[in-house]
Amino acid sequence: MGQSVNKAWGDDVFPFLSWFETQKVKDAKVMVVGVGALGNEVLKNLALFGVGNLVIVDFDTIEYGNLTRSALFRPEDADKGLYKADVAARRINEINPDIHVIPVCGDLSTGAGLGLYRRMDVIIGCLDNLQARISLNRNCFRAGKPWIDGAIGDLEGQVSVYQAGTNCYECNLTDDERQALFRRTSCAEVVKMNEQAGRTATTPVIASLIGAVQVQEAMKYIHPEAIEADVFTTLAGKLLVYEGKRLAVGIYDFSSLQNDCIAHENWNPVIEIPELSADTTIGQAFEYISRHCGEIEINMRNDRFVDRIVSRSDNKQFSPMLPQSKIPAYILADEALRNRQIAEGFYQHAFENIDASFPYPSLTLRQIGIPCLDVIQVSTPKGLFYVELSKDLEKYETHPAYC
């Protein structure tokens, strides 16, 4: 990290804005999910504003194709195949050394625990696929936090804001999008190809425009009193569309909130357990949680645990002992498994719920797919409870690379 600046960041500029409150911005916590072209612009603008606490989430590494649209990345980063979140965090601190940045080099659900989400003021989505947006929407509903979605392609882009009680991303899906969501394939190689095919060519210009609007909306949520006083109007329940080829901008009503939508979960109240971390074993976790909740069953809401896969043709068994999200990579890494998967496929034996009879009590929560500082849903005879791996908070604050 560089040396701290001698005077407060922006104190010769931002105090002249009628709505800007320096301490609120310094204390603000914003999560940015996705560090492509859009995420680069969003992070740059948040750093320039002096937002004091940032969480950056992305599982991907830097490629040369990213360099034409990503101000935070350099050719040497692509040479080394470095993680986008790590590099972005370092470059943000080069811009403003006083910002506390936590990079999460993982998936938004299986890499970033819900305890991070619930500590944010607002979450900004800079994503490029349907499934990721649905996962982000559900996490934000569970945490009770607003999120700002941005989408770009060529010279077009759009921004919308989703928050409980106003608007839901999943409720706004079309029938075609819902069919795409529930479409399944058995071939891991095909899954990988489909993910790559989902990338859309964009320009640095459209990323700058849409990223700026997203940060503008985020600054409003950092100043909630100004929203309440009607100083600001947000895009909650609205959709801003920018069409660059003919230079047209429109704002449309875009609010759908269906009563039966499965995304509308609010995981509250949360029981913070200071002894519990991602490195706690299953056996210990049952002991700690049972003290608060009695007899429990852990619900694996984000990622099932797979202890074995079985070939459909000859019943040959393999023992990955991995979260389901890591099974495609496990299969792709082994040529024999990959060829077998393409030809015949596998059955999976997976745990969706874990009770006291779980046969692997010495595994850690992390090993079965529960990330640092996550919130676990547990079922009990008295109903559902939500418990946080609160011991991980100190690790995130002092050694963010640990998680």
Protein backbone atom coordinates (compact mmCIF):
# COMPACT_ATOMS: atom_id res chain seq x y z
CA MET A 1 0.00 0.00 0.00
CA GLY A 2 1.11 3.57 -0.67
CA GLN A 3 1.45 6.36 1.85
CA SER A 4 -1.70 8.02 3.12
CA VAL A 5 -2.46 11.40 1.59
CA ASN A 6 -1.70 14.40 3.83
CA LYS A 7 -5.16 15.96 3.67
CA ALA A 8 -8.63 14.47 3.57
CA TRP A 9 -9.44 13.06 0.14
CA GLY A 10 -11.38 15.58 -1.91
CA ASP A 11 -11.82 18.13 0.85
CA ASP A 12 -10.97 20.92 -1.58
CA VAL A 13 -13.70 19.78 -4.01
CA PHE A 14 -16.50 17.64 -2.63
CA PRO A 15 -17.62 19.86 0.29
CA PHE A 16 -18.85 22.33 -2.32
CA LEU A 17 -21.48 19.79 -3.39
CA SER A 18 -24.68 20.61 -1.52
CA TRP A 19 -25.51 16.97 -0.79
CA PHE A 20 -22.05 15.48 -0.16
CA GLU A 21 -21.23 14.40 3.40
CA THR A 22 -17.54 13.55 3.70
CA GLN A 23 -17.79 11.29 6.73
CA LYS A 24 -20.66 9.29 5.29
CA VAL A 25 -18.65 8.62 2.14
CA LYS A 26 -15.54 7.74 4.12
CA ASP A 27 -17.53 5.30 6.26
CA ALA A 28 -19.51 3.85 3.34
CA LYS A 29 -19.27 0.18 2.41
CA VAL A 30 -19.87 -0.81 -1.21
CA MET A 31 -19.52 -4.21 -2.86
CA VAL A 32 -18.75 -4.41 -6.58
CA VAL A 33 -19.46 -7.79 -8.19
CA GLY A 34 -17.73 -8.32 -11.52
CA VAL A 35 -14.52 -6.59 -12.58
CA GLY A 36 -14.77 -6.47 -16.34
CA ALA A 37 -15.08 -3.26 -18.36
CA LEU A 38 -18.04 -2.06 -16.32
CA GLY A 39 -16.56 -3.03 -12.97
CA ASN A 40 -13.33 -1.18 -13.78
CA GLU A 41 -15.23 2.05 -14.39
CA VAL A 42 -17.37 1.63 -11.29
CA LEU A 43 -14.36 0.97 -9.05
CA LYS A 44 -12.40 3.88 -10.50
CA ASN A 45 -15.28 6.29 -9.81
CA LEU A 46 -15.87 4.98 -6.29
CA ALA A 47 -12.17 5.46 -5.54
CA LEU A 48 -12.20 9.00 -6.91
CA PHE A 49 -15.20 9.81 -4.72
CA GLY A 50 -13.24 8.48 -1.73
CA VAL A 51 -15.69 5.73 -0.74
CA GLY A 52 -13.85 4.32 2.26
CA ASN A 53 -14.58 0.59 2.16
CA LEU A 54 -14.83 -1.57 -0.95
CA VAL A 55 -15.37 -5.29 -1.47
CA ILE A 56 -14.44 -6.54 -4.96
CA VAL A 57 -15.80 -9.92 -6.07
CA ASP A 58 -14.70 -11.74 -9.23
CA PHE A 59 -13.54 -15.31 -9.86
CA ASP A 60 -11.87 -14.62 -13.23
CA THR A 61 -8.31 -13.86 -14.31
CA ILE A 62 -7.06 -11.08 -16.58
CA GLU A 63 -6.75 -11.73 -20.31
CA TYR A 64 -5.37 -9.53 -23.08
CA GLY A 65 -8.89 -8.93 -24.38
CA ASN A 66 -9.68 -7.10 -21.13
CA LEU A 67 -7.03 -4.43 -21.64
CA THR A 68 -8.86 -2.34 -24.25
CA ARG A 69 -11.71 -1.60 -21.83
CA SER A 70 -10.19 -1.92 -18.35
CA ALA A 71 -8.24 1.05 -17.00
CA LEU A 72 -7.07 -0.84 -13.91
CA PHE A 73 -5.34 -3.68 -15.78
CA ARG A 74 -1.91 -3.83 -17.46
CA PRO A 75 -0.30 -6.19 -20.01
CA GLU A 76 1.91 -7.72 -17.32
CA ASP A 77 -1.23 -8.66 -15.38
CA ALA A 78 -2.44 -10.64 -18.39
CA ASP A 79 1.02 -12.18 -18.85
CA LYS A 80 0.81 -13.61 -15.36
CA GLY A 81 -2.91 -14.47 -15.49
CA LEU A 82 -3.55 -12.60 -12.25
CA TYR A 83 -6.96 -12.48 -10.59
CA LYS A 84 -9.03 -9.45 -11.53
CA ALA A 85 -10.16 -8.79 -7.96
CA ASP A 86 -6.60 -8.81 -6.58
CA VAL A 87 -5.21 -6.50 -9.26
CA ALA A 88 -8.18 -4.12 -9.07
CA ALA A 89 -7.73 -3.86 -5.29
CA ARG A 90 -4.06 -2.91 -5.67
CA ARG A 91 -4.78 -0.33 -8.36
CA ILE A 92 -7.58 1.21 -6.30
CA ASN A 93 -5.08 1.76 -3.48
CA GLU A 94 -2.69 3.36 -5.94
CA ILE A 95 -5.43 5.88 -6.73
CA ASN A 96 -6.44 6.37 -3.10
CA PRO A 97 -4.32 4.68 -0.41
CA ASP A 98 -6.87 5.44 2.32
CA ILE A 99 -9.50 3.07 0.94
CA HIS A 100 -9.87 -0.27 2.73
CA VAL A 101 -10.29 -2.85 -0.03
CA ILE A 102 -11.18 -6.53 0.33
CA PRO A 103 -10.69 -8.61 -2.85
CA VAL A 104 -12.68 -11.84 -3.10
CA CYS A 105 -11.29 -14.07 -5.84
CA GLY A 106 -14.33 -16.30 -6.06
CA ASP A 107 -17.95 -16.63 -7.07
CA LEU A 108 -20.51 -14.17 -5.71
CA SER A 109 -22.38 -16.92 -3.81
CA THR A 110 -19.81 -19.64 -3.12
CA GLY A 111 -16.86 -17.27 -2.60
CA ALA A 112 -18.42 -14.26 -0.87
CA GLY A 113 -20.26 -14.99 2.35
CA LEU A 114 -23.61 -13.39 3.07
CA GLY A 115 -22.04 -11.74 6.11
CA LEU A 116 -20.19 -9.46 3.69
CA TYR A 117 -23.41 -8.55 1.88
CA ARG A 118 -25.26 -7.68 5.07
CA ARG A 119 -22.54 -5.20 6.09
CA MET A 120 -22.74 -3.23 2.84
CA ASP A 121 -24.66 -0.01 2.23
CA VAL A 122 -25.24 -0.96 -1.40
CA ILE A 123 -24.10 -3.60 -3.90
CA ILE A 124 -23.25 -2.84 -7.53
CA GLY A 125 -23.62 -5.63 -10.11
CA CYS A 126 -21.34 -5.50 -13.16
CA LEU A 127 -22.24 -8.93 -14.50
CA ASP A 128 -22.59 -10.48 -17.93
CA ASN A 129 -25.01 -13.39 -17.51
CA LEU A 130 -28.49 -14.24 -16.32
CA GLN A 131 -27.60 -16.82 -13.68
CA ALA A 132 -25.13 -14.52 -11.92
CA ARG A 133 -27.72 -11.73 -11.73
CA ILE A 134 -30.28 -14.09 -10.26
CA SER A 135 -27.78 -15.25 -7.62
CA LEU A 136 -26.88 -11.66 -6.78
CA ASN A 137 -30.54 -10.67 -6.56
CA ARG A 138 -31.28 -13.50 -4.12
CA ASN A 139 -28.25 -12.72 -1.95
CA CYS A 140 -29.23 -9.06 -1.75
CA PHE A 141 -32.81 -9.91 -0.82
CA ARG A 142 -31.55 -12.26 1.90
CA ALA A 143 -29.26 -9.55 3.25
CA GLY A 144 -31.89 -6.82 2.89
CA LYS A 145 -29.64 -4.62 0.73
CA PRO A 146 -30.33 -2.68 -2.50
CA TRP A 147 -28.34 -3.53 -5.59
CA ILE A 148 -27.66 -1.62 -8.78
CA ASP A 149 -27.56 -3.61 -11.99
CA GLY A 150 -25.69 -2.43 -15.07
CA ALA A 151 -25.55 -4.07 -18.48
CA ILE A 152 -23.60 -3.06 -21.58
CA GLY A 153 -23.14 -4.20 -25.16
CA ASP A 154 -21.65 -2.40 -28.17
CA LEU A 155 -22.97 1.18 -27.75
CA GLU A 156 -26.01 0.28 -25.65
CA GLY A 157 -26.46 0.00 -21.93
CA GLN A 158 -28.98 0.04 -19.12
CA VAL A 159 -29.19 0.52 -15.36
CA SER A 160 -31.82 -0.50 -12.84
CA VAL A 161 -32.02 -0.61 -9.06
CA TYR A 162 -33.57 -3.49 -7.12
CA GLN A 163 -34.62 -3.40 -3.49
CA ALA A 164 -37.00 -5.30 -1.28
CA GLY A 165 -40.56 -4.01 -1.45
CA THR A 166 -39.99 -2.14 -4.72
CA ASN A 167 -38.50 -4.25 -7.47
CA CYS A 168 -37.05 -7.73 -8.02
CA TYR A 169 -34.79 -8.83 -10.86
CA GLU A 170 -36.26 -12.32 -10.98
CA CYS A 171 -39.83 -11.03 -11.05
CA ASN A 172 -38.95 -9.04 -14.20
CA LEU A 173 -37.68 -12.04 -16.17
CA THR A 174 -39.39 -12.85 -19.45
CA ASP A 175 -40.71 -16.34 -20.24
CA ASP A 176 -37.74 -16.95 -22.57
CA GLU A 177 -35.30 -15.96 -19.84
CA ARG A 178 -36.99 -18.29 -17.37
CA GLN A 179 -36.75 -21.17 -19.83
CA ALA A 180 -33.04 -20.45 -20.31
CA LEU A 181 -32.57 -20.42 -16.55
CA PHE A 182 -34.01 -23.89 -16.05
CA ARG A 183 -32.35 -25.45 -19.08
CA ARG A 184 -29.85 -28.11 -18.02
CA THR A 185 -26.98 -29.94 -19.72
CA SER A 186 -24.94 -32.95 -18.57
CA CYS A 187 -21.68 -32.06 -20.27
CA ALA A 188 -19.21 -29.93 -18.30
CA GLU A 189 -17.36 -28.94 -21.47
CA VAL A 190 -20.59 -27.61 -22.96
CA VAL A 191 -21.23 -25.61 -19.81
CA LYS A 192 -17.83 -24.00 -20.14
CA MET A 193 -18.38 -23.21 -23.82
CA ASN A 194 -21.79 -21.68 -23.12
CA GLU A 195 -20.32 -19.44 -20.43
CA GLN A 196 -17.66 -18.21 -22.82
CA ALA A 197 -20.20 -17.67 -25.59
CA GLY A 198 -22.17 -15.38 -23.29
CA ARG A 199 -19.53 -12.67 -23.49
CA THR A 200 -20.57 -9.61 -25.44
CA ALA A 201 -18.33 -7.18 -27.30
CA THR A 202 -18.38 -3.76 -25.66
CA THR A 203 -16.57 -0.43 -25.90
CA PRO A 204 -14.82 1.63 -23.21
CA VAL A 205 -17.24 4.47 -23.96
CA ILE A 206 -20.41 2.60 -23.01
CA ALA A 207 -18.70 1.12 -19.93
CA SER A 208 -17.78 4.65 -18.80
CA LEU A 209 -21.33 5.95 -19.25
CA ILE A 210 -23.18 3.10 -17.57
CA GLY A 211 -20.59 2.74 -14.80
CA ALA A 212 -20.94 6.44 -14.04
CA VAL A 213 -24.71 6.13 -13.67
CA GLN A 214 -24.31 3.14 -11.37
CA VAL A 215 -21.93 5.03 -9.10
CA GLN A 216 -24.22 8.05 -9.17
CA GLU A 217 -27.04 5.82 -7.90
CA ALA A 218 -24.73 4.28 -5.27
CA MET A 219 -23.84 7.72 -3.93
CA LYS A 220 -27.54 8.35 -3.38
CA TYR A 221 -27.84 5.23 -1.22
CA ILE A 222 -24.78 6.33 0.74
CA HIS A 223 -26.80 9.47 1.58
CA PRO A 224 -30.18 7.91 2.57
CA GLU A 225 -31.42 11.05 4.29
CA ALA A 226 -31.20 12.89 0.97
CA ILE A 227 -33.39 10.20 -0.62
CA GLU A 228 -35.93 10.54 2.19
CA ALA A 229 -35.90 14.33 1.84
CA ASP A 230 -36.55 13.98 -1.90
CA VAL A 231 -33.24 15.59 -2.78
CA PHE A 232 -32.55 12.52 -4.89
CA THR A 233 -34.75 10.31 -7.04
CA THR A 234 -33.33 6.81 -7.50
CA LEU A 235 -33.81 4.27 -10.28
CA ALA A 236 -35.56 1.84 -7.93
CA GLY A 237 -38.42 0.40 -9.94
CA LYS A 238 -37.12 2.16 -13.06
CA LEU A 239 -34.98 1.20 -16.04
CA LEU A 240 -32.58 3.65 -17.64
CA VAL A 241 -31.75 2.74 -21.25
CA TYR A 242 -28.97 4.43 -23.23
CA GLU A 243 -28.73 3.87 -27.00
CA GLY A 244 -25.48 5.34 -28.28
CA LYS A 245 -25.84 4.83 -32.01
CA ARG A 246 -28.65 7.37 -32.22
CA LEU A 247 -27.92 9.05 -28.89
CA ALA A 248 -31.19 8.32 -27.16
CA VAL A 249 -31.86 8.00 -23.43
CA GLY A 250 -35.07 6.80 -21.82
CA ILE A 251 -36.27 6.02 -18.31
CA TYR A 252 -39.10 3.52 -18.04
CA ASP A 253 -41.22 2.02 -15.28
CA PHE A 254 -39.70 -1.38 -14.58
CA SER A 255 -41.21 -2.62 -11.37
CA SER A 256 -42.43 -6.14 -10.80
CA LEU A 257 -42.85 -7.71 -7.37
CA GLN A 258 -44.75 -11.00 -7.40
CA ASN A 259 -45.96 -12.41 -4.12
CA ASP A 260 -44.92 -15.98 -4.93
CA CYS A 261 -41.36 -15.21 -6.06
CA ILE A 262 -38.86 -17.51 -4.34
CA ALA A 263 -36.21 -14.76 -4.36
CA HIS A 264 -37.99 -12.67 -1.71
CA GLU A 265 -36.28 -14.17 1.32
CA ASN A 266 -35.09 -11.98 4.16
CA TRP A 267 -32.65 -13.86 6.34
CA ASN A 268 -33.26 -11.95 9.52
CA PRO A 269 -32.51 -11.88 12.39
CA VAL A 270 -28.99 -13.24 12.08
CA ILE A 271 -27.36 -14.97 15.06
CA GLU A 272 -23.69 -13.97 15.14
CA ILE A 273 -21.59 -16.82 16.56
CA PRO A 274 -18.07 -15.57 17.43
CA GLU A 275 -16.55 -19.10 17.60
CA LEU A 276 -17.80 -20.11 14.15
CA SER A 277 -15.68 -19.79 11.00
CA ALA A 278 -15.30 -21.39 7.59
CA ASP A 279 -12.48 -23.48 9.06
CA THR A 280 -14.69 -24.92 11.79
CA THR A 281 -15.31 -28.64 11.33
CA ILE A 282 -18.83 -29.93 10.79
CA GLY A 283 -18.75 -31.64 14.17
CA GLN A 284 -17.70 -28.44 15.95
CA ALA A 285 -20.21 -26.39 13.98
CA PHE A 286 -23.07 -28.58 15.18
CA GLU A 287 -21.86 -28.11 18.74
CA TYR A 288 -21.62 -24.31 18.47
CA ILE A 289 -24.90 -23.81 16.60
CA SER A 290 -26.86 -26.23 18.77
CA ARG A 291 -26.09 -24.11 21.82
CA HIS A 292 -28.15 -21.34 20.24
CA CYS A 293 -30.75 -23.26 18.24
CA GLY A 294 -31.12 -26.77 19.69
CA GLU A 295 -31.40 -29.72 17.30
CA ILE A 296 -30.37 -28.52 13.82
CA GLU A 297 -30.01 -29.42 10.16
CA ILE A 298 -27.77 -27.26 7.96
CA ASN A 299 -29.44 -26.30 4.67
CA MET A 300 -26.98 -26.06 1.77
CA ARG A 301 -28.78 -23.28 -0.05
CA ASN A 302 -25.98 -22.11 -2.35
CA ASP A 303 -23.91 -25.20 -3.05
CA ARG A 304 -24.54 -28.89 -2.46
CA PHE A 305 -21.72 -31.18 -1.29
CA VAL A 306 -20.84 -34.06 -3.62
CA ASP A 307 -19.00 -37.01 -2.09
CA ARG A 308 -19.19 -39.31 -5.11
CA ILE A 309 -20.12 -39.45 -8.76
CA VAL A 310 -21.08 -42.66 -10.52
CA SER A 311 -20.70 -43.52 -14.20
CA ARG A 312 -24.08 -44.22 -15.80
CA SER A 313 -22.81 -47.06 -17.99
CA ASP A 314 -20.75 -49.24 -15.64
CA ASN A 315 -21.40 -47.83 -12.14
CA LYS A 316 -17.74 -46.95 -11.66
CA GLN A 317 -17.44 -44.56 -8.71
CA PHE A 318 -15.26 -41.51 -8.17
CA SER A 319 -14.92 -39.55 -4.93
CA PRO A 320 -14.48 -35.81 -5.59
CA MET A 321 -15.45 -34.72 -2.03
CA LEU A 322 -16.14 -31.24 -3.37
CA PRO A 323 -18.91 -28.63 -3.50
CA GLN A 324 -21.07 -29.09 -6.59
CA SER A 325 -19.84 -25.79 -8.04
CA LYS A 326 -16.37 -27.33 -8.38
CA ILE A 327 -17.47 -30.58 -10.03
CA PRO A 328 -17.29 -29.30 -13.66
CA ALA A 329 -13.67 -28.20 -13.13
CA TYR A 330 -12.91 -31.53 -11.43
CA ILE A 331 -14.21 -33.42 -14.47
CA LEU A 332 -12.55 -31.14 -17.03
CA ALA A 333 -9.17 -31.53 -15.32
CA ASP A 334 -9.12 -35.29 -15.96
CA GLU A 335 -9.21 -36.43 -19.61
CA ALA A 336 -10.66 -39.85 -18.78
CA LEU A 337 -13.43 -38.30 -16.69
CA ARG A 338 -14.09 -35.65 -19.32
CA ASN A 339 -14.45 -38.22 -22.11
CA ARG A 340 -16.66 -40.39 -19.96
CA GLN A 341 -18.85 -37.40 -19.09
CA ILE A 342 -19.31 -36.47 -22.75
CA ALA A 343 -20.12 -40.05 -23.76
CA GLU A 344 -22.38 -41.20 -20.95
CA GLY A 345 -22.58 -38.77 -18.05
CA PHE A 346 -22.61 -39.33 -14.30
CA TYR A 347 -25.00 -39.65 -11.43
CA GLN A 348 -24.13 -37.52 -8.42
CA HIS A 349 -24.57 -38.31 -4.76
CA ALA A 350 -24.95 -34.94 -3.11
CA PHE A 351 -26.01 -33.54 0.26
CA GLU A 352 -28.56 -30.74 0.15
CA ASN A 353 -29.02 -30.84 3.91
CA ILE A 354 -26.57 -31.90 6.59
CA ASP A 355 -27.68 -33.30 9.93
CA ALA A 356 -25.93 -35.00 12.84
CA SER A 357 -25.61 -38.22 10.83
CA PHE A 358 -23.35 -36.60 8.19
CA PRO A 359 -20.59 -39.18 7.57
CA TYR A 360 -17.73 -36.66 7.28
CA PRO A 361 -17.79 -34.63 10.53
CA SER A 362 -14.07 -33.81 10.32
CA LEU A 363 -14.50 -31.81 7.10
CA THR A 364 -14.62 -28.05 7.52
CA LEU A 365 -17.48 -25.80 6.47
CA ARG A 366 -15.18 -24.37 3.81
CA GLN A 367 -14.50 -27.85 2.39
CA ILE A 368 -18.19 -28.57 1.89
CA GLY A 369 -18.75 -25.25 0.11
CA ILE A 370 -19.59 -22.65 2.77
CA PRO A 371 -17.42 -19.52 2.34
CA CYS A 372 -15.89 -17.19 4.92
CA LEU A 373 -18.31 -15.02 6.88
CA ASP A 374 -21.31 -16.76 5.37
CA VAL A 375 -24.75 -16.94 6.93
CA ILE A 376 -26.07 -20.50 7.20
CA GLN A 377 -29.74 -21.36 7.16
CA VAL A 378 -30.52 -24.07 9.70
CA SER A 379 -33.76 -25.97 10.19
CA THR A 380 -34.90 -26.83 13.70
CA PRO A 381 -38.12 -28.16 15.28
CA LYS A 382 -38.77 -24.52 16.23
CA GLY A 383 -38.36 -23.21 12.68
CA LEU A 384 -35.61 -21.64 10.60
CA PHE A 385 -32.62 -19.82 12.06
CA TYR A 386 -29.80 -17.92 10.38
CA VAL A 387 -26.32 -18.12 11.87
CA GLU A 388 -23.22 -16.22 10.80
CA LEU A 389 -19.62 -17.42 10.74
CA SER A 390 -18.66 -14.31 12.69
CA LYS A 391 -15.14 -15.43 13.58
CA ASP A 392 -14.18 -14.78 9.95
CA LEU A 393 -14.86 -11.05 10.26
CA GLU A 394 -11.48 -10.42 11.87
CA LYS A 395 -9.73 -12.43 9.15
CA TYR A 396 -11.41 -10.37 6.44
CA GLU A 397 -10.43 -7.12 8.12
CA THR A 398 -6.80 -8.02 8.85
CA HIS A 399 -5.89 -10.62 6.19
CA PRO A 400 -8.41 -10.40 3.34
CA ALA A 401 -6.38 -12.74 1.13
CA TYR A 402 -7.05 -15.52 3.67
CA CYS A 403 -10.63 -15.87 2.51
